[in-house]
């Protein structure tokens, strides 16, 4: 028979030590963490504190071990429920403590609406109030954003052709408009420049088989550019809830379900790029889906209304080499 008094004390002590350890009363459990990482992909990519810990380790490392036997812990911990999905815990399972910096529910309905519009009627995206709010937000961020000085090099790579020969500068630069297919931030026929801050991220982005080398270009930007930063979870100048929700949600990091022509997952990010370009930005900084490799991506826009636009005024390729 369960000792209800000891159980009540256990629940109270569990949360006391949990909050003391992790400075939060929120966590995810094994039942919901995969779903959370899909819906809130930005959190997993942007925040290094999103790490797991085992419940057994939490028990042995806290003062719970001084009050309750391990057999009691195994029984009592099943009365603790996950604050995100409500599932009961198991002693030999893992949890993901997390300090929430956003209200997960505030814009969840709007995010779902945007995803549905992207599938059904993508050109109607701006008719939704949430999209209008984002456009206004980007204009506000633009007012507070200075040009970024690129005092570091960036990387771009391509899989080697069957001949194994290195590509030319033209072949490793921005994709020509007539060869540009729909990307995360560019429309078909819009040849933007995608680059990464590290070689590893650049390789991962082209899904290169690591057994084989790629042709890598080391790129130097020739002038400062005004960049919309979608990686700044903690230091956003506006400290805006909408901005934080935007960069934490899956809207930015959706992965297309296929490599065919229809990619509704890219509708919103292309809309976002249009908003940024209209607001005066020249590019976007965003976390790579392979961000655990320690790097970010940049996409640099081409303004097709500027008849004087030339890529050679934006960047130069310093060297081309084989990357194992």
C-alpha atoms as a PDB file:
ATOM      1  CA  UNK A   1       0.000   0.000   0.000  1.00  0.00           C
ATOM      2  CA  UNK A   2       1.353   3.415  -0.999  1.00  0.00           C
ATOM      3  CA  UNK A   3       2.265   5.701   1.891  1.00  0.00           C
ATOM      4  CA  UNK A   4       0.401   8.809   0.732  1.00  0.00           C
ATOM      5  CA  UNK A   5       2.186  11.109   3.175  1.00  0.00           C
ATOM      6  CA  UNK A   6       5.622   9.983   1.937  1.00  0.00           C
ATOM      7  CA  UNK A   7       4.379  10.254  -1.646  1.00  0.00           C
ATOM      8  CA  UNK A   8       3.176  13.823  -1.143  1.00  0.00           C
ATOM      9  CA  UNK A   9       6.492  14.727   0.454  1.00  0.00           C
ATOM     10  CA  UNK A  10       8.347  13.068  -2.430  1.00  0.00           C
ATOM     11  CA  UNK A  11       6.479  15.095  -5.051  1.00  0.00           C
ATOM     12  CA  UNK A  12       7.164  18.308  -3.177  1.00  0.00           C
ATOM     13  CA  UNK A  13      10.865  17.470  -2.731  1.00  0.00           C
ATOM     14  CA  UNK A  14      11.225  16.319  -6.344  1.00  0.00           C
ATOM     15  CA  UNK A  15      10.133  19.696  -7.666  1.00  0.00           C
ATOM     16  CA  UNK A  16      12.139  21.547  -5.015  1.00  0.00           C
ATOM     17  CA  UNK A  17      15.402  19.864  -6.010  1.00  0.00           C
ATOM     18  CA  UNK A  18      14.525  19.939  -9.695  1.00  0.00           C
ATOM     19  CA  UNK A  19      14.065  23.710  -9.695  1.00  0.00           C
ATOM     20  CA  UNK A  20      17.219  24.093  -7.619  1.00  0.00           C
ATOM     21  CA  UNK A  21      19.247  22.004 -10.067  1.00  0.00           C
ATOM     22  CA  UNK A  22      17.907  23.348 -13.350  1.00  0.00           C
ATOM     23  CA  UNK A  23      16.467  26.761 -12.427  1.00  0.00           C
ATOM     24  CA  UNK A  24      13.167  25.830 -14.101  1.00  0.00           C
ATOM     25  CA  UNK A  25      10.036  23.795 -13.472  1.00  0.00           C
ATOM     26  CA  UNK A  26       9.706  22.726 -17.107  1.00  0.00           C
ATOM     27  CA  UNK A  27      11.007  19.650 -18.870  1.00  0.00           C
ATOM     28  CA  UNK A  28      10.219  17.300 -21.719  1.00  0.00           C
ATOM     29  CA  UNK A  29      10.036  13.532 -21.435  1.00  0.00           C
ATOM     30  CA  UNK A  30      10.831  10.687 -23.808  1.00  0.00           C
ATOM     31  CA  UNK A  31       7.199  10.574 -24.925  1.00  0.00           C
ATOM     32  CA  UNK A  32       7.152  14.106 -26.305  1.00  0.00           C
ATOM     33  CA  UNK A  33      10.708  15.289 -26.974  1.00  0.00           C
ATOM     34  CA  UNK A  34      10.720  14.167 -30.624  1.00  0.00           C
ATOM     35  CA  UNK A  35       7.451  15.962 -31.336  1.00  0.00           C
ATOM     36  CA  UNK A  36       8.721  19.078 -29.537  1.00  0.00           C
ATOM     37  CA  UNK A  37      11.936  19.110 -31.564  1.00  0.00           C
ATOM     38  CA  UNK A  38       9.899  19.061 -34.769  1.00  0.00           C
ATOM     39  CA  UNK A  39       7.463  21.809 -33.722  1.00  0.00           C
ATOM     40  CA  UNK A  40      10.159  23.936 -32.072  1.00  0.00           C
ATOM     41  CA  UNK A  41      13.179  23.052 -34.185  1.00  0.00           C
ATOM     42  CA  UNK A  42      14.838  26.396 -33.494  1.00  0.00           C
ATOM     43  CA  UNK A  43      15.144  25.682 -29.782  1.00  0.00           C
ATOM     44  CA  UNK A  44      17.029  22.473 -30.424  1.00  0.00           C
ATOM     45  CA  UNK A  45      19.358  24.256 -32.863  1.00  0.00           C
ATOM     46  CA  UNK A  46      19.837  27.612 -31.169  1.00  0.00           C
ATOM     47  CA  UNK A  47      20.023  26.806 -27.474  1.00  0.00           C
ATOM     48  CA  UNK A  48      22.920  24.778 -26.131  1.00  0.00           C
ATOM     49  CA  UNK A  49      21.138  24.248 -22.812  1.00  0.00           C
ATOM     50  CA  UNK A  50      18.684  21.859 -24.488  1.00  0.00           C
ATOM     51  CA  UNK A  51      20.303  18.696 -23.116  1.00  0.00           C
ATOM     52  CA  UNK A  52      19.007  15.507 -21.527  1.00  0.00           C
ATOM     53  CA  UNK A  53      19.613  14.037 -18.090  1.00  0.00           C
ATOM     54  CA  UNK A  54      18.578  10.670 -16.710  1.00  0.00           C
ATOM     55  CA  UNK A  55      16.098  10.524 -13.836  1.00  0.00           C
ATOM     56  CA  UNK A  56      18.284   7.959 -12.089  1.00  0.00           C
ATOM     57  CA  UNK A  57      21.190  10.429 -12.158  1.00  0.00           C
ATOM     58  CA  UNK A  58      18.950  13.166 -10.836  1.00  0.00           C
ATOM     59  CA  UNK A  59      17.899  10.905  -7.962  1.00  0.00           C
ATOM     60  CA  UNK A  60      21.434   9.834  -7.030  1.00  0.00           C
ATOM     61  CA  UNK A  61      22.788  13.376  -7.281  1.00  0.00           C
ATOM     62  CA  UNK A  62      20.090  15.060  -5.212  1.00  0.00           C
ATOM     63  CA  UNK A  63      19.144  14.814  -1.560  1.00  0.00           C
ATOM     64  CA  UNK A  64      16.273  12.541  -2.554  1.00  0.00           C
ATOM     65  CA  UNK A  65      18.737   9.699  -2.127  1.00  0.00           C
ATOM     66  CA  UNK A  66      19.014  10.592   1.582  1.00  0.00           C
ATOM     67  CA  UNK A  67      15.267  10.365   2.150  1.00  0.00           C
ATOM     68  CA  UNK A  68      13.968   7.697  -0.218  1.00  0.00           C
ATOM     69  CA  UNK A  69      15.260   4.280  -1.215  1.00  0.00           C
ATOM     70  CA  UNK A  70      15.745   3.571  -4.889  1.00  0.00           C
ATOM     71  CA  UNK A  71      12.759   1.230  -4.916  1.00  0.00           C
ATOM     72  CA  UNK A  72      10.608   4.006  -3.426  1.00  0.00           C
ATOM     73  CA  UNK A  73      11.945   6.438  -5.999  1.00  0.00           C
ATOM     74  CA  UNK A  74      11.051   4.080  -8.869  1.00  0.00           C
ATOM     75  CA  UNK A  75       7.482   3.848  -7.617  1.00  0.00           C
ATOM     76  CA  UNK A  76       6.952   7.438  -6.589  1.00  0.00           C
ATOM     77  CA  UNK A  77       8.472   9.041  -9.704  1.00  0.00           C
ATOM     78  CA  UNK A  78       5.669   7.541 -11.793  1.00  0.00           C
ATOM     79  CA  UNK A  79       3.351   9.991 -10.040  1.00  0.00           C
ATOM     80  CA  UNK A  80       5.294  12.890 -11.588  1.00  0.00           C
ATOM     81  CA  UNK A  81       3.873  13.976 -14.932  1.00  0.00           C
ATOM     82  CA  UNK A  82       5.583  15.767 -17.800  1.00  0.00           C
ATOM     83  CA  UNK A  83       4.607  19.470 -17.817  1.00  0.00           C
ATOM     84  CA  UNK A  84       4.482  19.463 -21.636  1.00  0.00           C
ATOM     85  CA  UNK A  85       2.525  16.309 -22.515  1.00  0.00           C
ATOM     86  CA  UNK A  86       1.242  14.978 -19.165  1.00  0.00           C
ATOM     87  CA  UNK A  87       2.835  11.526 -19.468  1.00  0.00           C
ATOM     88  CA  UNK A  88       3.958   9.722 -16.321  1.00  0.00           C
ATOM     89  CA  UNK A  89       7.696   9.318 -15.823  1.00  0.00           C
ATOM     90  CA  UNK A  90       9.752   6.140 -15.498  1.00  0.00           C
ATOM     91  CA  UNK A  91      12.804   5.965 -13.273  1.00  0.00           C
ATOM     92  CA  UNK A  92      15.139   4.637 -15.955  1.00  0.00           C
ATOM     93  CA  UNK A  93      14.125   7.225 -18.551  1.00  0.00           C
ATOM     94  CA  UNK A  94      15.532  10.593 -19.611  1.00  0.00           C
ATOM     95  CA  UNK A  95      14.140  14.103 -19.342  1.00  0.00           C
ATOM     96  CA  UNK A  96      15.097  17.362 -21.052  1.00  0.00           C
ATOM     97  CA  UNK A  97      15.017  20.268 -18.557  1.00  0.00           C
ATOM     98  CA  UNK A  98      14.586  23.605 -20.290  1.00  0.00           C
ATOM     99  CA  UNK A  99      14.321  27.229 -19.207  1.00  0.00           C
ATOM    100  CA  UNK A 100      11.483  28.550 -21.350  1.00  0.00           C
ATOM    101  CA  UNK A 101      12.133  32.009 -22.782  1.00  0.00           C
ATOM    102  CA  UNK A 102       8.956  32.040 -24.890  1.00  0.00           C
ATOM    103  CA  UNK A 103       5.288  31.315 -24.382  1.00  0.00           C
ATOM    104  CA  UNK A 104       4.782  28.105 -26.369  1.00  0.00           C
ATOM    105  CA  UNK A 105       1.061  28.663 -26.691  1.00  0.00           C
ATOM    106  CA  UNK A 106       0.899  32.355 -27.592  1.00  0.00           C
ATOM    107  CA  UNK A 107       1.340  31.981 -31.359  1.00  0.00           C
ATOM    108  CA  UNK A 108       0.837  28.226 -31.813  1.00  0.00           C
ATOM    109  CA  UNK A 109      -2.524  28.631 -33.566  1.00  0.00           C
ATOM    110  CA  UNK A 110      -1.129  31.244 -35.938  1.00  0.00           C
ATOM    111  CA  UNK A 111       1.866  29.040 -36.781  1.00  0.00           C
ATOM    112  CA  UNK A 112      -0.487  26.196 -37.676  1.00  0.00           C
ATOM    113  CA  UNK A 113      -2.561  28.567 -39.829  1.00  0.00           C
ATOM    114  CA  UNK A 114       0.532  29.704 -41.733  1.00  0.00           C
ATOM    115  CA  UNK A 115       1.544  26.107 -42.407  1.00  0.00           C
ATOM    116  CA  UNK A 116      -1.897  25.344 -43.823  1.00  0.00           C
ATOM    117  CA  UNK A 117      -1.951  28.459 -46.044  1.00  0.00           C
ATOM    118  CA  UNK A 118       1.495  27.535 -47.379  1.00  0.00           C
ATOM    119  CA  UNK A 119       0.089  24.210 -48.559  1.00  0.00           C
ATOM    120  CA  UNK A 120      -3.214  25.468 -49.932  1.00  0.00           C
ATOM    121  CA  UNK A 121      -2.866  29.058 -51.207  1.00  0.00           C
ATOM    122  CA  UNK A 122       0.734  30.285 -50.726  1.00  0.00           C
ATOM    123  CA  UNK A 123       0.184  33.675 -52.390  1.00  0.00           C
ATOM    124  CA  UNK A 124      -2.432  34.458 -49.742  1.00  0.00           C
ATOM    125  CA  UNK A 125       0.121  34.306 -46.930  1.00  0.00           C
ATOM    126  CA  UNK A 126       0.219  38.061 -46.325  1.00  0.00           C
ATOM    127  CA  UNK A 127      -3.551  38.119 -45.856  1.00  0.00           C
ATOM    128  CA  UNK A 128      -3.085  36.444 -42.467  1.00  0.00           C
ATOM    129  CA  UNK A 129      -2.607  38.894 -39.545  1.00  0.00           C
ATOM    130  CA  UNK A 130       0.330  36.833 -38.254  1.00  0.00           C
ATOM    131  CA  UNK A 131       2.222  37.380 -41.515  1.00  0.00           C
ATOM    132  CA  UNK A 132       1.482  41.096 -41.337  1.00  0.00           C
ATOM    133  CA  UNK A 133       2.856  41.201 -37.788  1.00  0.00           C
ATOM    134  CA  UNK A 134       6.059  39.524 -38.946  1.00  0.00           C
ATOM    135  CA  UNK A 135       6.511  42.019 -41.778  1.00  0.00           C
ATOM    136  CA  UNK A 136       6.072  44.926 -39.367  1.00  0.00           C
ATOM    137  CA  UNK A 137       8.490  43.273 -36.928  1.00  0.00           C
ATOM    138  CA  UNK A 138      11.177  42.886 -39.583  1.00  0.00           C
ATOM    139  CA  UNK A 139      10.833  46.556 -40.497  1.00  0.00           C
ATOM    140  CA  UNK A 140      11.308  47.462 -36.828  1.00  0.00           C
ATOM    141  CA  UNK A 141      14.382  45.227 -36.537  1.00  0.00           C
ATOM    142  CA  UNK A 142      15.792  46.832 -39.677  1.00  0.00           C
ATOM    143  CA  UNK A 143      15.721  50.250 -38.006  1.00  0.00           C
ATOM    144  CA  UNK A 144      17.887  48.912 -35.168  1.00  0.00           C
ATOM    145  CA  UNK A 145      20.319  46.884 -37.297  1.00  0.00           C
ATOM    146  CA  UNK A 146      23.750  48.065 -38.399  1.00  0.00           C
ATOM    147  CA  UNK A 147      25.727  46.572 -41.249  1.00  0.00           C
ATOM    148  CA  UNK A 148      27.759  43.486 -40.390  1.00  0.00           C
ATOM    149  CA  UNK A 149      31.500  43.629 -41.027  1.00  0.00           C
ATOM    150  CA  UNK A 150      32.635  40.241 -42.325  1.00  0.00           C
ATOM    151  CA  UNK A 151      36.037  39.916 -40.651  1.00  0.00           C
ATOM    152  CA  UNK A 152      35.884  36.162 -41.230  1.00  0.00           C
ATOM    153  CA  UNK A 153      35.738  33.957 -44.294  1.00  0.00           C
ATOM    154  CA  UNK A 154      32.824  31.794 -45.357  1.00  0.00           C
ATOM    155  CA  UNK A 155      32.566  28.520 -47.234  1.00  0.00           C
ATOM    156  CA  UNK A 156      30.629  27.051 -50.088  1.00  0.00           C
ATOM    157  CA  UNK A 157      31.068  23.604 -51.582  1.00  0.00           C
ATOM    158  CA  UNK A 158      29.757  21.287 -54.261  1.00  0.00           C
ATOM    159  CA  UNK A 159      30.001  17.577 -54.753  1.00  0.00           C
ATOM    160  CA  UNK A 160      32.698  16.753 -57.226  1.00  0.00           C
ATOM    161  CA  UNK A 161      31.725  15.784 -60.740  1.00  0.00           C
ATOM    162  CA  UNK A 162      32.602  12.314 -61.964  1.00  0.00           C
ATOM    163  CA  UNK A 163      35.796  13.659 -63.512  1.00  0.00           C
ATOM    164  CA  UNK A 164      37.041  14.680 -60.065  1.00  0.00           C
ATOM    165  CA  UNK A 165      38.188  18.053 -61.415  1.00  0.00           C
ATOM    166  CA  UNK A 166      37.888  21.171 -59.276  1.00  0.00           C
ATOM    167  CA  UNK A 167      35.168  23.649 -60.167  1.00  0.00           C
ATOM    168  CA  UNK A 168      35.858  27.171 -61.390  1.00  0.00           C
ATOM    169  CA  UNK A 169      35.071  30.351 -59.455  1.00  0.00           C
ATOM    170  CA  UNK A 170      31.926  30.860 -61.522  1.00  0.00           C
ATOM    171  CA  UNK A 171      30.751  27.329 -60.760  1.00  0.00           C
ATOM    172  CA  UNK A 172      31.265  27.766 -57.007  1.00  0.00           C
ATOM    173  CA  UNK A 173      29.778  31.234 -56.700  1.00  0.00           C
ATOM    174  CA  UNK A 174      26.152  32.325 -56.575  1.00  0.00           C
ATOM    175  CA  UNK A 175      23.865  30.167 -58.695  1.00  0.00           C
ATOM    176  CA  UNK A 176      22.870  31.897 -61.963  1.00  0.00           C
ATOM    177  CA  UNK A 177      19.199  32.905 -62.104  1.00  0.00           C
ATOM    178  CA  UNK A 178      18.486  30.545 -64.990  1.00  0.00           C
ATOM    179  CA  UNK A 179      19.684  27.576 -62.921  1.00  0.00           C
ATOM    180  CA  UNK A 180      18.239  28.553 -59.543  1.00  0.00           C
ATOM    181  CA  UNK A 181      15.533  26.221 -58.228  1.00  0.00           C
ATOM    182  CA  UNK A 182      13.392  26.939 -55.181  1.00  0.00           C
ATOM    183  CA  UNK A 183      15.464  27.049 -51.986  1.00  0.00           C
ATOM    184  CA  UNK A 184      14.849  27.817 -48.339  1.00  0.00           C
ATOM    185  CA  UNK A 185      15.002  31.574 -48.941  1.00  0.00           C
ATOM    186  CA  UNK A 186      14.966  32.009 -52.714  1.00  0.00           C
ATOM    187  CA  UNK A 187      12.285  31.668 -55.374  1.00  0.00           C
ATOM    188  CA  UNK A 188      12.851  29.710 -58.571  1.00  0.00           C
ATOM    189  CA  UNK A 189      14.860  31.926 -60.904  1.00  0.00           C
ATOM    190  CA  UNK A 190      16.413  33.909 -58.045  1.00  0.00           C
ATOM    191  CA  UNK A 191      20.077  33.005 -57.721  1.00  0.00           C
ATOM    192  CA  UNK A 192      21.008  33.916 -54.164  1.00  0.00           C
ATOM    193  CA  UNK A 193      24.339  33.079 -52.524  1.00  0.00           C
ATOM    194  CA  UNK A 194      24.270  30.467 -49.750  1.00  0.00           C
ATOM    195  CA  UNK A 195      27.403  30.164 -47.606  1.00  0.00           C
ATOM    196  CA  UNK A 196      28.369  28.621 -44.263  1.00  0.00           C
ATOM    197  CA  UNK A 197      30.671  29.757 -41.481  1.00  0.00           C
ATOM    198  CA  UNK A 198      32.545  26.434 -41.324  1.00  0.00           C
ATOM    199  CA  UNK A 199      33.704  23.770 -43.760  1.00  0.00           C
ATOM    200  CA  UNK A 200      31.812  21.038 -41.886  1.00  0.00           C
ATOM    201  CA  UNK A 201      28.482  22.850 -42.058  1.00  0.00           C
ATOM    202  CA  UNK A 202      29.007  23.623 -45.739  1.00  0.00           C
ATOM    203  CA  UNK A 203      29.660  19.937 -46.465  1.00  0.00           C
ATOM    204  CA  UNK A 204      26.627  18.839 -44.468  1.00  0.00           C
ATOM    205  CA  UNK A 205      24.337  21.254 -46.277  1.00  0.00           C
ATOM    206  CA  UNK A 206      25.058  19.626 -49.648  1.00  0.00           C
ATOM    207  CA  UNK A 207      24.509  16.183 -48.083  1.00  0.00           C
ATOM    208  CA  UNK A 208      27.907  15.046 -49.235  1.00  0.00           C
ATOM    209  CA  UNK A 209      28.884  11.451 -48.564  1.00  0.00           C
ATOM    210  CA  UNK A 210      31.744  11.851 -46.113  1.00  0.00           C
ATOM    211  CA  UNK A 211      33.665   9.005 -47.752  1.00  0.00           C
ATOM    212  CA  UNK A 212      34.335  11.189 -50.755  1.00  0.00           C
ATOM    213  CA  UNK A 213      35.900  14.646 -51.129  1.00  0.00           C
ATOM    214  CA  UNK A 214      34.085  17.801 -52.192  1.00  0.00           C
ATOM    215  CA  UNK A 215      35.187  20.918 -53.969  1.00  0.00           C
ATOM    216  CA  UNK A 216      35.345  23.740 -51.424  1.00  0.00           C
ATOM    217  CA  UNK A 217      35.523  27.485 -51.968  1.00  0.00           C
ATOM    218  CA  UNK A 218      36.796  29.867 -49.297  1.00  0.00           C
ATOM    219  CA  UNK A 219      34.967  33.153 -49.763  1.00  0.00           C
ATOM    220  CA  UNK A 220      35.832  36.674 -48.631  1.00  0.00           C
ATOM    221  CA  UNK A 221      33.089  39.307 -48.438  1.00  0.00           C
ATOM    222  CA  UNK A 222      34.279  42.656 -49.740  1.00  0.00           C
ATOM    223  CA  UNK A 223      31.995  45.019 -47.856  1.00  0.00           C
ATOM    224  CA  UNK A 224      29.679  45.188 -44.842  1.00  0.00           C
ATOM    225  CA  UNK A 225      26.102  44.021 -45.402  1.00  0.00           C
ATOM    226  CA  UNK A 226      22.855  44.534 -43.535  1.00  0.00           C
ATOM    227  CA  UNK A 227      21.905  41.088 -42.253  1.00  0.00           C
ATOM    228  CA  UNK A 228      18.705  39.890 -40.569  1.00  0.00           C
ATOM    229  CA  UNK A 229      19.924  37.679 -37.724  1.00  0.00           C
ATOM    230  CA  UNK A 230      17.615  34.724 -37.062  1.00  0.00           C
ATOM    231  CA  UNK A 231      19.993  33.139 -34.532  1.00  0.00           C
ATOM    232  CA  UNK A 232      19.924  35.745 -31.765  1.00  0.00           C
ATOM    233  CA  UNK A 233      17.737  33.988 -29.180  1.00  0.00           C
ATOM    234  CA  UNK A 234      19.108  35.844 -26.144  1.00  0.00           C
ATOM    235  CA  UNK A 235      20.263  39.218 -27.433  1.00  0.00           C
ATOM    236  CA  UNK A 236      17.471  40.436 -29.695  1.00  0.00           C
ATOM    237  CA  UNK A 237      17.536  44.218 -29.589  1.00  0.00           C
ATOM    238  CA  UNK A 238      13.756  44.426 -29.358  1.00  0.00           C
ATOM    239  CA  UNK A 239      13.375  41.583 -26.835  1.00  0.00           C
ATOM    240  CA  UNK A 240      10.281  40.731 -28.833  1.00  0.00           C
ATOM    241  CA  UNK A 241       8.131  37.684 -28.067  1.00  0.00           C
ATOM    242  CA  UNK A 242       7.116  37.324 -31.706  1.00  0.00           C
ATOM    243  CA  UNK A 243      10.750  37.352 -32.856  1.00  0.00           C
ATOM    244  CA  UNK A 244      11.726  34.680 -30.332  1.00  0.00           C
ATOM    245  CA  UNK A 245       8.743  32.526 -31.269  1.00  0.00           C
ATOM    246  CA  UNK A 246       9.571  32.923 -34.944  1.00  0.00           C
ATOM    247  CA  UNK A 247      13.173  31.756 -34.671  1.00  0.00           C
ATOM    248  CA  UNK A 248      12.305  28.944 -32.251  1.00  0.00           C
ATOM    249  CA  UNK A 249       9.468  27.476 -34.301  1.00  0.00           C
ATOM    250  CA  UNK A 250       9.649  25.011 -37.160  1.00  0.00           C
ATOM    251  CA  UNK A 251       8.646  27.731 -39.654  1.00  0.00           C
ATOM    252  CA  UNK A 252      12.318  28.531 -40.313  1.00  0.00           C
ATOM    253  CA  UNK A 253      13.707  25.002 -40.164  1.00  0.00           C
ATOM    254  CA  UNK A 254      11.077  22.892 -41.906  1.00  0.00           C
ATOM    255  CA  UNK A 255      12.646  20.167 -44.021  1.00  0.00           C
ATOM    256  CA  UNK A 256      10.890  19.422 -47.327  1.00  0.00           C
ATOM    257  CA  UNK A 257       9.329  15.984 -47.430  1.00  0.00           C
ATOM    258  CA  UNK A 258      10.598  15.512 -50.961  1.00  0.00           C
ATOM    259  CA  UNK A 259      13.019  17.047 -53.438  1.00  0.00           C
ATOM    260  CA  UNK A 260      10.261  17.485 -56.021  1.00  0.00           C
ATOM    261  CA  UNK A 261       8.917  20.830 -57.276  1.00  0.00           C
ATOM    262  CA  UNK A 262       6.244  21.163 -54.597  1.00  0.00           C
ATOM    263  CA  UNK A 263       7.908  22.382 -51.388  1.00  0.00           C
ATOM    264  CA  UNK A 264       5.288  24.078 -49.182  1.00  0.00           C
ATOM    265  CA  UNK A 265       7.772  23.938 -46.299  1.00  0.00           C
ATOM    266  CA  UNK A 266       9.753  26.715 -48.040  1.00  0.00           C
ATOM    267  CA  UNK A 267       6.816  29.054 -48.670  1.00  0.00           C
ATOM    268  CA  UNK A 268       7.097  30.880 -45.353  1.00  0.00           C
ATOM    269  CA  UNK A 269      10.886  31.241 -45.408  1.00  0.00           C
ATOM    270  CA  UNK A 270      10.726  32.662 -48.939  1.00  0.00           C
ATOM    271  CA  UNK A 271       8.054  35.082 -47.732  1.00  0.00           C
ATOM    272  CA  UNK A 272      10.374  36.002 -44.841  1.00  0.00           C
ATOM    273  CA  UNK A 273      13.236  36.671 -47.261  1.00  0.00           C
ATOM    274  CA  UNK A 274      10.971  38.930 -49.340  1.00  0.00           C
ATOM    275  CA  UNK A 275      10.029  40.856 -46.188  1.00  0.00           C
ATOM    276  CA  UNK A 276      13.701  41.224 -45.263  1.00  0.00           C
ATOM    277  CA  UNK A 277      14.688  42.387 -48.742  1.00  0.00           C
ATOM    278  CA  UNK A 278      11.814  44.876 -48.790  1.00  0.00           C
ATOM    279  CA  UNK A 279      12.861  46.172 -45.338  1.00  0.00           C
ATOM    280  CA  UNK A 280      16.383  46.932 -46.544  1.00  0.00           C
ATOM    281  CA  UNK A 281      18.257  43.795 -45.527  1.00  0.00           C
ATOM    282  CA  UNK A 282      20.826  42.304 -47.886  1.00  0.00           C
ATOM    283  CA  UNK A 283      20.804  38.837 -46.417  1.00  0.00           C
ATOM    284  CA  UNK A 284      19.831  36.534 -43.561  1.00  0.00           C
ATOM    285  CA  UNK A 285      21.864  34.698 -40.971  1.00  0.00           C
ATOM    286  CA  UNK A 286      20.274  31.459 -39.816  1.00  0.00           C
ATOM    287  CA  UNK A 287      21.319  28.363 -37.920  1.00  0.00           C
ATOM    288  CA  UNK A 288      22.191  25.338 -39.963  1.00  0.00           C
ATOM    289  CA  UNK A 289      20.108  22.232 -39.376  1.00  0.00           C
ATOM    290  CA  UNK A 290      23.536  20.765 -38.705  1.00  0.00           C
ATOM    291  CA  UNK A 291      24.215  23.469 -36.128  1.00  0.00           C
ATOM    292  CA  UNK A 292      25.569  20.928 -33.659  1.00  0.00           C
ATOM    293  CA  UNK A 293      28.619  20.987 -35.914  1.00  0.00           C
ATOM    294  CA  UNK A 294      29.231  24.494 -34.603  1.00  0.00           C
ATOM    295  CA  UNK A 295      28.311  26.837 -37.408  1.00  0.00           C
ATOM    296  CA  UNK A 296      25.730  29.015 -39.108  1.00  0.00           C
ATOM    297  CA  UNK A 297      24.561  29.807 -42.614  1.00  0.00           C
ATOM    298  CA  UNK A 298      24.144  33.048 -44.513  1.00  0.00           C
ATOM    299  CA  UNK A 299      22.028  33.681 -47.573  1.00  0.00           C
ATOM    300  CA  UNK A 300      22.867  36.844 -49.501  1.00  0.00           C
ATOM    301  CA  UNK A 301      20.160  38.362 -51.668  1.00  0.00           C
ATOM    302  CA  UNK A 302      20.352  39.542 -55.236  1.00  0.00           C
ATOM    303  CA  UNK A 303      18.138  42.564 -55.873  1.00  0.00           C
ATOM    304  CA  UNK A 304      16.793  41.856 -59.337  1.00  0.00           C
ATOM    305  CA  UNK A 305      15.449  45.410 -59.630  1.00  0.00           C
ATOM    306  CA  UNK A 306      18.964  46.853 -59.333  1.00  0.00           C
ATOM    307  CA  UNK A 307      20.353  46.905 -62.884  1.00  0.00           C
ATOM    308  CA  UNK A 308      23.811  47.743 -61.494  1.00  0.00           C
ATOM    309  CA  UNK A 309      23.966  44.766 -59.119  1.00  0.00           C
ATOM    310  CA  UNK A 310      27.119  42.694 -59.511  1.00  0.00           C
ATOM    311  CA  UNK A 311      28.218  39.795 -57.357  1.00  0.00           C
ATOM    312  CA  UNK A 312      31.861  40.764 -57.827  1.00  0.00           C
ATOM    313  CA  UNK A 313      31.195  43.824 -55.646  1.00  0.00           C
ATOM    314  CA  UNK A 314      29.901  41.554 -52.853  1.00  0.00           C
ATOM    315  CA  UNK A 315      32.470  38.768 -52.595  1.00  0.00           C
ATOM    316  CA  UNK A 316      35.543  37.129 -54.040  1.00  0.00           C
ATOM    317  CA  UNK A 317      36.688  33.522 -53.882  1.00  0.00           C
ATOM    318  CA  UNK A 318      40.111  33.390 -52.267  1.00  0.00           C
ATOM    319  CA  UNK A 319      40.847  29.758 -53.000  1.00  0.00           C
ATOM    320  CA  UNK A 320      39.312  26.551 -54.305  1.00  0.00           C
ATOM    321  CA  UNK A 321      40.479  23.252 -52.920  1.00  0.00           C
ATOM    322  CA  UNK A 322      39.694  19.620 -52.309  1.00  0.00           C
ATOM    323  CA  UNK A 323      38.090  18.927 -48.923  1.00  0.00           C
ATOM    324  CA  UNK A 324      38.379  15.357 -47.686  1.00  0.00           C
END
